[in-house]
Protein backbone atom coordinates (compact mmCIF):
# COMPACT_ATOMS: atom_id res chain seq x y z
CA MET A 1 3.99 2.32 6.13
CA ARG A 2 1.18 4.92 6.08
CA ILE A 3 -1.20 2.40 4.48
CA CYS A 4 -0.32 -0.19 7.11
CA ILE A 5 -0.97 2.29 9.93
CA PHE A 6 -4.19 3.71 8.51
CA LEU A 7 -6.00 0.46 7.73
CA PRO A 8 -5.37 -1.58 10.90
CA TRP A 9 -5.97 1.32 13.26
CA GLY A 10 -9.06 2.30 11.32
CA GLY A 11 -10.44 -1.23 11.54
CA SER A 12 -9.31 -2.13 15.05
CA LEU A 13 -10.24 1.22 16.60
CA SER A 14 -13.63 1.11 14.93
CA GLY A 15 -14.11 -2.34 16.41
CA ALA A 16 -12.95 -1.27 19.86
CA VAL A 17 -14.83 2.04 19.93
CA GLY A 18 -17.80 0.35 18.30
CA GLY A 19 -17.88 -2.15 21.15
CA PHE A 20 -17.97 0.62 23.75
CA LEU A 21 -20.50 2.63 21.75
CA ALA A 22 -22.75 -0.36 21.13
CA SER A 23 -22.75 -1.35 24.80
CA GLY A 24 -23.64 2.23 25.76
CA LEU A 25 -26.42 2.57 23.19
CA LEU A 26 -27.91 -0.77 24.16
CA SER A 27 -28.02 0.39 27.79
CA ILE A 28 -30.20 3.44 27.11
CA ASP A 29 -33.83 3.83 26.13
CA SER A 30 -35.05 3.85 22.56
CA ILE A 31 -34.33 6.86 20.33
CA GLY A 32 -37.85 7.74 19.26
CA SER A 33 -39.14 4.69 17.42
CA VAL A 34 -35.63 3.28 16.96
CA ALA A 35 -34.90 0.49 19.41
CA SER A 36 -32.48 -2.37 20.06
CA ARG A 37 -29.60 -2.77 17.58
CA ARG A 38 -31.13 -0.25 15.20
CA LYS A 39 -29.89 2.48 17.56
CA ILE A 40 -26.32 1.41 16.76
CA PHE A 41 -26.92 1.62 13.00
CA LEU A 42 -28.58 5.03 13.35
CA VAL A 43 -25.88 6.72 15.46
CA GLU A 44 -22.88 5.16 13.71
CA GLY A 45 -24.45 5.86 10.31
CA ILE A 46 -24.93 9.56 11.12
CA ILE A 47 -21.31 9.84 12.30
CA THR A 48 -19.97 8.09 9.19
CA ILE A 49 -22.00 10.20 6.76
CA GLY A 50 -20.97 13.40 8.56
CA ILE A 51 -17.28 12.60 8.43
CA GLY A 52 -17.61 11.49 4.80
CA ILE A 53 -19.08 14.87 3.82
CA LEU A 54 -16.23 16.69 5.58
CA CYS A 55 -13.66 14.57 3.72
CA VAL A 56 -14.94 15.91 0.40
CA PHE A 57 -13.79 19.39 1.41
CA PHE A 58 -10.63 18.63 3.40
CA ILE A 59 -8.90 15.69 1.66
CA PRO A 60 -7.03 16.75 -1.53
CA ASP A 61 -6.91 14.51 -4.61
CA HIS A 62 -3.22 15.25 -5.26
CA PRO A 63 -0.28 16.90 -3.42
CA LYS A 64 -0.40 19.74 -5.93
CA ASN A 65 -3.86 20.72 -4.66
CA SER A 66 -3.18 20.29 -0.95
CA ARG A 67 -3.58 23.36 1.25
CA LEU A 68 -1.93 21.55 4.17
CA LEU A 69 1.55 21.62 2.59
CA THR A 70 4.00 24.49 2.27
CA GLU A 71 5.64 25.07 -1.11
CA ASP A 72 8.83 23.34 0.05
CA GLU A 73 6.87 20.35 1.40
CA ARG A 74 4.86 20.14 -1.82
CA ALA A 75 8.03 20.16 -3.93
CA LEU A 76 9.54 17.44 -1.73
CA VAL A 77 6.45 15.22 -2.06
CA LEU A 78 6.32 15.64 -5.84
CA GLU A 79 10.03 14.87 -6.13
CA GLY A 80 9.57 11.68 -4.09
CA THR A 81 6.60 10.66 -6.24
CA ALA A 82 8.62 11.13 -9.42
CA ARG A 83 11.60 9.23 -8.02
CA ASN A 84 9.49 6.29 -6.85
CA SER A 85 7.78 6.11 -10.22
CA ASN A 86 10.99 6.20 -12.30
CA LEU A 87 9.72 9.38 -13.94
CA PRO A 88 11.69 12.55 -14.55
CA ASP A 89 8.73 14.76 -13.77
CA ALA A 90 5.91 14.08 -11.34
CA SER A 91 3.52 16.15 -13.44
CA SER A 92 3.62 13.50 -16.17
CA GLU A 93 1.85 11.18 -13.76
CA ARG A 94 -1.37 13.06 -14.43
CA ARG A 95 -1.65 11.56 -17.91
CA VAL A 96 -3.50 8.28 -17.53
CA ARG A 97 -3.35 6.07 -20.60
CA PRO A 98 -5.29 2.83 -21.19
CA ARG A 99 -2.11 0.79 -21.57
CA LEU A 100 -1.03 1.87 -18.08
CA ILE A 101 -4.33 0.67 -16.66
CA LEU A 102 -4.02 -2.71 -18.42
CA ARG A 103 -0.50 -3.06 -16.99
CA SER A 104 -2.05 -3.29 -13.53
CA PHE A 105 -3.17 -6.87 -14.17
CA THR A 106 0.04 -8.68 -13.20
CA PHE A 107 0.87 -11.95 -11.47
CA HIS A 108 1.85 -10.13 -8.28
CA VAL A 109 -1.34 -8.05 -8.19
CA GLY A 110 -3.46 -11.15 -8.80
CA LEU A 111 -1.68 -13.07 -6.05
CA CYS A 112 -2.11 -10.25 -3.53
CA SER A 113 -5.76 -9.84 -4.55
CA LEU A 114 -6.52 -13.49 -3.86
CA CYS A 115 -4.72 -13.44 -0.50
CA HIS A 116 -6.41 -10.17 0.48
CA LEU A 117 -9.77 -11.72 -0.37
CA PHE A 118 -9.12 -14.71 1.91
CA PHE A 119 -7.92 -12.59 4.81
CA ASN A 120 -10.85 -10.20 4.52
CA ILE A 121 -13.25 -13.15 4.73
CA SER A 122 -11.62 -13.88 8.07
CA LEU A 123 -11.15 -10.32 9.30
CA GLN A 124 -14.54 -8.88 8.40
CA GLY A 125 -16.57 -11.99 9.15
CA LEU A 126 -14.97 -12.49 12.55
CA SER A 127 -15.12 -8.77 13.40
CA ILE A 128 -18.82 -8.49 12.61
CA PHE A 129 -19.83 -11.69 14.39
CA LEU A 130 -17.37 -11.38 17.27
CA PRO A 131 -20.08 -10.31 19.79
CA THR A 132 -22.17 -13.35 18.80
CA ILE A 133 -19.18 -15.68 19.00
CA ILE A 134 -18.16 -14.33 22.41
CA ALA A 135 -21.74 -14.57 23.69
CA SER A 136 -21.66 -18.28 22.85
CA LEU A 137 -18.61 -18.76 25.10
CA GLY A 138 -20.56 -18.09 28.28
CA LYS A 139 -23.74 -16.68 29.78
CA PHE A 140 -23.11 -13.07 28.79
CA THR A 141 -25.65 -10.36 28.20
CA ILE A 142 -25.51 -8.44 24.92
CA VAL A 143 -23.75 -5.53 26.64
CA GLU A 144 -21.20 -7.82 28.31
CA ALA A 145 -20.46 -9.55 25.01
CA GLN A 146 -19.96 -6.17 23.29
CA LEU A 147 -17.51 -5.05 25.98
CA ARG A 148 -15.51 -8.25 25.60
CA THR A 149 -14.93 -7.47 21.92
CA VAL A 150 -12.83 -4.42 22.83
CA PRO A 151 -9.59 -6.14 24.03
CA PRO A 152 -9.14 -8.32 20.90
CA HIS A 153 -9.53 -5.30 18.63
CA LEU A 154 -7.07 -3.20 20.64
CA VAL A 155 -4.47 -5.98 20.61
CA GLU A 156 -5.08 -6.41 16.89
CA GLY A 157 -4.40 -2.72 16.24
CA VAL A 158 -1.15 -2.67 18.23
CA CYS A 159 0.17 -5.88 16.64
CA ALA A 160 -0.85 -4.77 13.14
CA VAL A 161 1.08 -1.50 13.42
CA GLY A 162 4.03 -3.36 14.95
CA ASN A 163 4.08 -5.88 12.10
CA ALA A 164 3.77 -3.06 9.56
CA TYR A 165 6.72 -1.24 11.11
CA LEU A 166 8.77 -4.45 11.10
CA SER A 167 8.01 -5.06 7.42
CA TYR A 168 8.98 -1.44 6.68
CA ARG A 169 12.29 -1.69 8.53
CA LEU A 170 13.20 -5.06 7.04
CA ARG A 171 11.95 -4.07 3.57
CA LYS A 172 10.51 -7.57 3.38
CA ARG A 173 6.72 -7.62 3.28
CA GLY A 174 6.37 -11.31 2.47
CA ILE A 175 8.07 -12.71 5.57
CA CYS A 176 5.98 -10.50 7.87
CA ILE A 177 2.78 -11.65 6.14
CA THR A 178 3.76 -15.30 6.58
CA ILE A 179 4.38 -14.71 10.30
CA ALA A 180 0.93 -13.14 10.68
CA SER A 181 -0.60 -15.92 8.58
CA THR A 182 0.83 -18.48 10.98
CA VAL A 183 -0.84 -16.67 13.88
CA THR A 184 -4.15 -16.73 11.99
CA ILE A 185 -3.82 -20.46 11.34
CA ILE A 186 -3.17 -21.14 15.03
CA GLY A 187 -6.18 -19.02 16.02
CA TYR A 188 -8.64 -20.90 13.83
CA ALA A 189 -7.08 -24.23 14.73
CA ILE A 190 -7.90 -23.39 18.36
CA PHE A 191 -11.51 -22.62 17.40
CA LEU A 192 -11.84 -25.99 15.72
CA GLY A 193 -9.86 -28.06 18.20
CA SER A 194 -10.93 -26.81 21.62
CA ASP A 195 -14.20 -26.69 23.54
CA ASN A 196 -12.75 -24.65 26.42
CA SER A 197 -14.36 -21.20 26.41
CA HIS A 198 -11.26 -19.46 27.77
CA ILE A 199 -9.00 -21.01 25.14
CA ARG A 200 -11.50 -20.16 22.41
CA TYR A 201 -11.57 -16.56 23.60
CA GLY A 202 -7.78 -16.59 23.19
CA GLY A 203 -8.38 -17.88 19.67
CA CYS A 204 -10.35 -14.68 18.99
CA PHE A 205 -7.22 -12.66 19.78
CA LEU A 206 -4.97 -14.78 17.56
CA ALA A 207 -7.35 -14.92 14.60
CA LEU A 208 -7.94 -11.16 14.65
CA VAL A 209 -4.28 -10.30 15.22
CA GLY A 210 -3.14 -12.54 12.36
CA SER A 211 -5.76 -11.39 9.87
CA GLY A 212 -5.51 -7.73 10.86
CA SER A 213 -1.71 -7.79 10.64
CA SER A 214 -1.69 -9.41 7.18
CA SER A 215 -4.45 -7.70 5.25
CA PRO A 216 -3.07 -4.10 5.18
CA ILE A 217 0.44 -5.20 4.20
CA PHE A 218 -0.88 -6.62 0.93
CA LEU A 219 -1.87 -3.11 -0.14
CA SER A 220 1.55 -1.77 0.84
CA TRP A 221 3.24 -4.66 -0.95
CA VAL A 222 1.36 -3.89 -4.14
CA ALA A 223 1.94 -0.14 -3.84
CA GLU A 224 5.65 -0.73 -3.38
CA ASN A 225 5.93 -2.99 -6.42
CA THR A 226 3.94 -1.03 -8.98
CA ALA A 227 4.73 2.16 -10.89
CA PRO A 228 4.01 4.68 -12.33
CA GLU A 229 1.29 6.30 -10.26
CA ALA A 230 -1.59 5.37 -12.57
CA VAL A 231 -0.59 1.69 -12.45
CA ARG A 232 -0.12 1.86 -8.69
CA ALA A 233 -3.54 3.44 -8.13
CA LYS A 234 -5.29 0.87 -10.32
CA SER A 235 -3.39 -2.03 -8.71
CA ILE A 236 -4.34 -0.91 -5.20
CA ALA A 237 -7.96 -0.58 -6.34
CA ILE A 238 -7.92 -4.14 -7.73
CA VAL A 239 -6.56 -5.60 -4.49
CA ASP A 240 -8.94 -3.53 -2.36
CA SER A 241 -11.89 -4.60 -4.51
CA ALA A 242 -10.94 -8.23 -3.99
CA GLY A 243 -10.87 -7.55 -0.26
CA THR A 244 -14.38 -6.09 -0.49
CA ILE A 245 -15.59 -9.31 -2.13
CA GLY A 246 -14.01 -11.17 0.77
CA SER A 247 -15.93 -8.99 3.19
CA LEU A 248 -19.20 -9.91 1.49
CA ILE A 249 -18.35 -13.60 1.71
CA GLY A 250 -17.35 -13.20 5.37
CA VAL A 251 -20.78 -11.82 6.26
CA TRP A 252 -22.41 -15.01 4.98
CA ALA A 253 -19.82 -17.39 6.42
CA TYR A 254 -21.23 -17.33 9.97
CA LEU A 255 -24.71 -18.80 9.54
CA PRO A 256 -27.19 -19.28 12.43
CA ARG A 257 -27.55 -22.99 11.72
CA ASP A 258 -23.79 -23.38 12.32
CA ALA A 259 -23.97 -21.84 15.83
CA PRO A 260 -22.54 -21.92 18.41
CA LYS A 261 -19.17 -23.31 17.23
CA TYR A 262 -19.39 -22.10 13.61
CA ARG A 263 -17.18 -24.92 12.40
CA HIS A 264 -17.87 -24.31 8.72
CA ALA A 265 -16.89 -20.64 8.95
CA HIS A 266 -13.75 -21.36 10.96
CA SER A 267 -12.81 -24.16 8.55
CA LEU A 268 -13.21 -21.76 5.62
CA ASN A 269 -11.00 -19.17 7.29
CA LEU A 270 -8.39 -21.75 8.27
CA THR A 271 -8.26 -23.02 4.69
CA GLY A 272 -7.96 -19.47 3.34
CA ALA A 273 -5.10 -18.67 5.73
CA CYS A 274 -3.24 -21.85 4.71
CA ILE A 275 -3.69 -21.11 0.99
CA SER A 276 -2.53 -17.51 1.50
CA PHE A 277 0.52 -18.73 3.42
CA VAL A 278 1.58 -20.84 0.44
CA LEU A 279 0.75 -18.11 -2.11
CA VAL A 280 2.82 -15.51 -0.25
CA ILE A 281 5.84 -17.82 -0.31
CA ILE A 282 5.30 -18.30 -4.06
CA GLY A 283 5.07 -14.50 -4.44
CA VAL A 284 8.37 -13.95 -2.64
CA LEU A 285 10.10 -16.59 -4.77
CA TYR A 286 8.67 -15.00 -7.92
CA ILE A 287 9.94 -11.54 -6.93
CA ASN A 288 13.42 -12.83 -6.10
CA LEU A 289 13.51 -14.68 -9.43
CA GLU A 290 12.43 -11.58 -11.35
CA ASN A 291 14.98 -9.37 -9.58
CA ALA A 292 17.71 -11.90 -10.37
CA LYS A 293 16.77 -11.82 -14.06
CA ARG A 294 17.04 -8.03 -14.06
CA ASP A 295 20.42 -8.21 -12.34
CA ARG A 296 21.61 -10.48 -15.17
CA GLY A 297 20.27 -8.06 -17.80
CA GLU A 298 17.55 -10.38 -19.07
CA ARG A 299 15.00 -7.54 -19.11
CA ASP A 300 17.19 -4.93 -20.86
CA HIS A 301 15.47 -5.63 -24.18
CA ARG A 302 12.46 -3.69 -22.91
CA LEU A 303 14.38 -0.45 -23.59
CA SER A 304 15.14 -1.27 -27.22
CA GLY A 305 13.43 0.97 -29.75
CA LYS A 306 11.49 2.87 -27.08
CA SER A 307 10.97 6.63 -26.98
CA GLN A 308 11.65 8.49 -23.75
CA THR A 309 7.91 8.66 -23.04
CA ASP A 310 7.60 4.89 -23.46
CA ILE A 311 10.60 4.33 -21.19
CA ASP A 312 9.08 6.61 -18.53
CA ASP A 313 5.84 4.63 -18.77
CA LEU A 314 7.60 1.34 -18.07
CA GLY A 315 7.57 2.11 -14.35
CA SER A 316 7.93 -1.17 -12.45
CA GLN A 317 8.67 -2.99 -15.72
CA HIS A 318 11.83 -0.93 -16.21
CA PRO A 319 14.97 -3.14 -16.12
CA GLU A 320 16.45 -1.01 -13.32
CA TYR A 321 13.35 -1.29 -11.13
CA ARG A 322 13.67 -3.77 -8.26
CA TYR A 323 10.70 -5.37 -6.53
CA GLN A 324 10.48 -5.56 -2.75
CA PRO A 325 10.03 -9.18 -1.56
């Protein structure tokens, strides 16, 4: 739940605040020799670097080292970590072995990585080029186009947190991702099928809401279905890295020669959303099948001839571990 709140609000708020900030910076005179859009990069870059430096000193690398927790809170967090990881002692999580890292490369992690890549092509590409896309919908100045990017990002943030909360309450990540995927598909279908500027602006809302509501849940889905902590950390890193690759592709999806309708980019994003929709359904079926096998005892052989350390290291491969669909 924390992952799903952090990522969408971080992305959507940055988009919304960035729209306000960009419109303000573009309305003032040059900062020394820095003019036009370079003012945005300068100011936002300084803010980002400053906050990044502060994070080095204030964000702990482990609950044991946190100065923000009382002793009782620290003990509670460590107990929860051990319980979620099927380990008797949370301190054993600190031993990272190569075999645990290799265990991160699973079917579920690969599936979520591919889906996260597709959705990040959509989310990052559309977010970055949203001012340009909106400017093509009417005779807007740069400042007016920037201001019109704020509402889609705000709606995206609210819907993303709402979808995350729903997936948390239902304990079913897959169904909530498929709902958001459907919204994404409708949004890009509107881009491709309509020439009405008002309808296309509505498509901006749907495409952002769907992509922004899906992408963070993949990280939560992976975190919930991997253990122990070393495997979980590596699995999240794999999925997030795939999303970063998607972001790079998204930047190059919206090419100037494809303006103003950007049919190739929207077609790419629509295809990615459709593929992800199918892959998520496959992922849910796979998880239900695997849980059923464990219920029938078909994975009990994994405990045979194992030492207690080896059994503790099984994590999500332990026969008693159940995946969340």
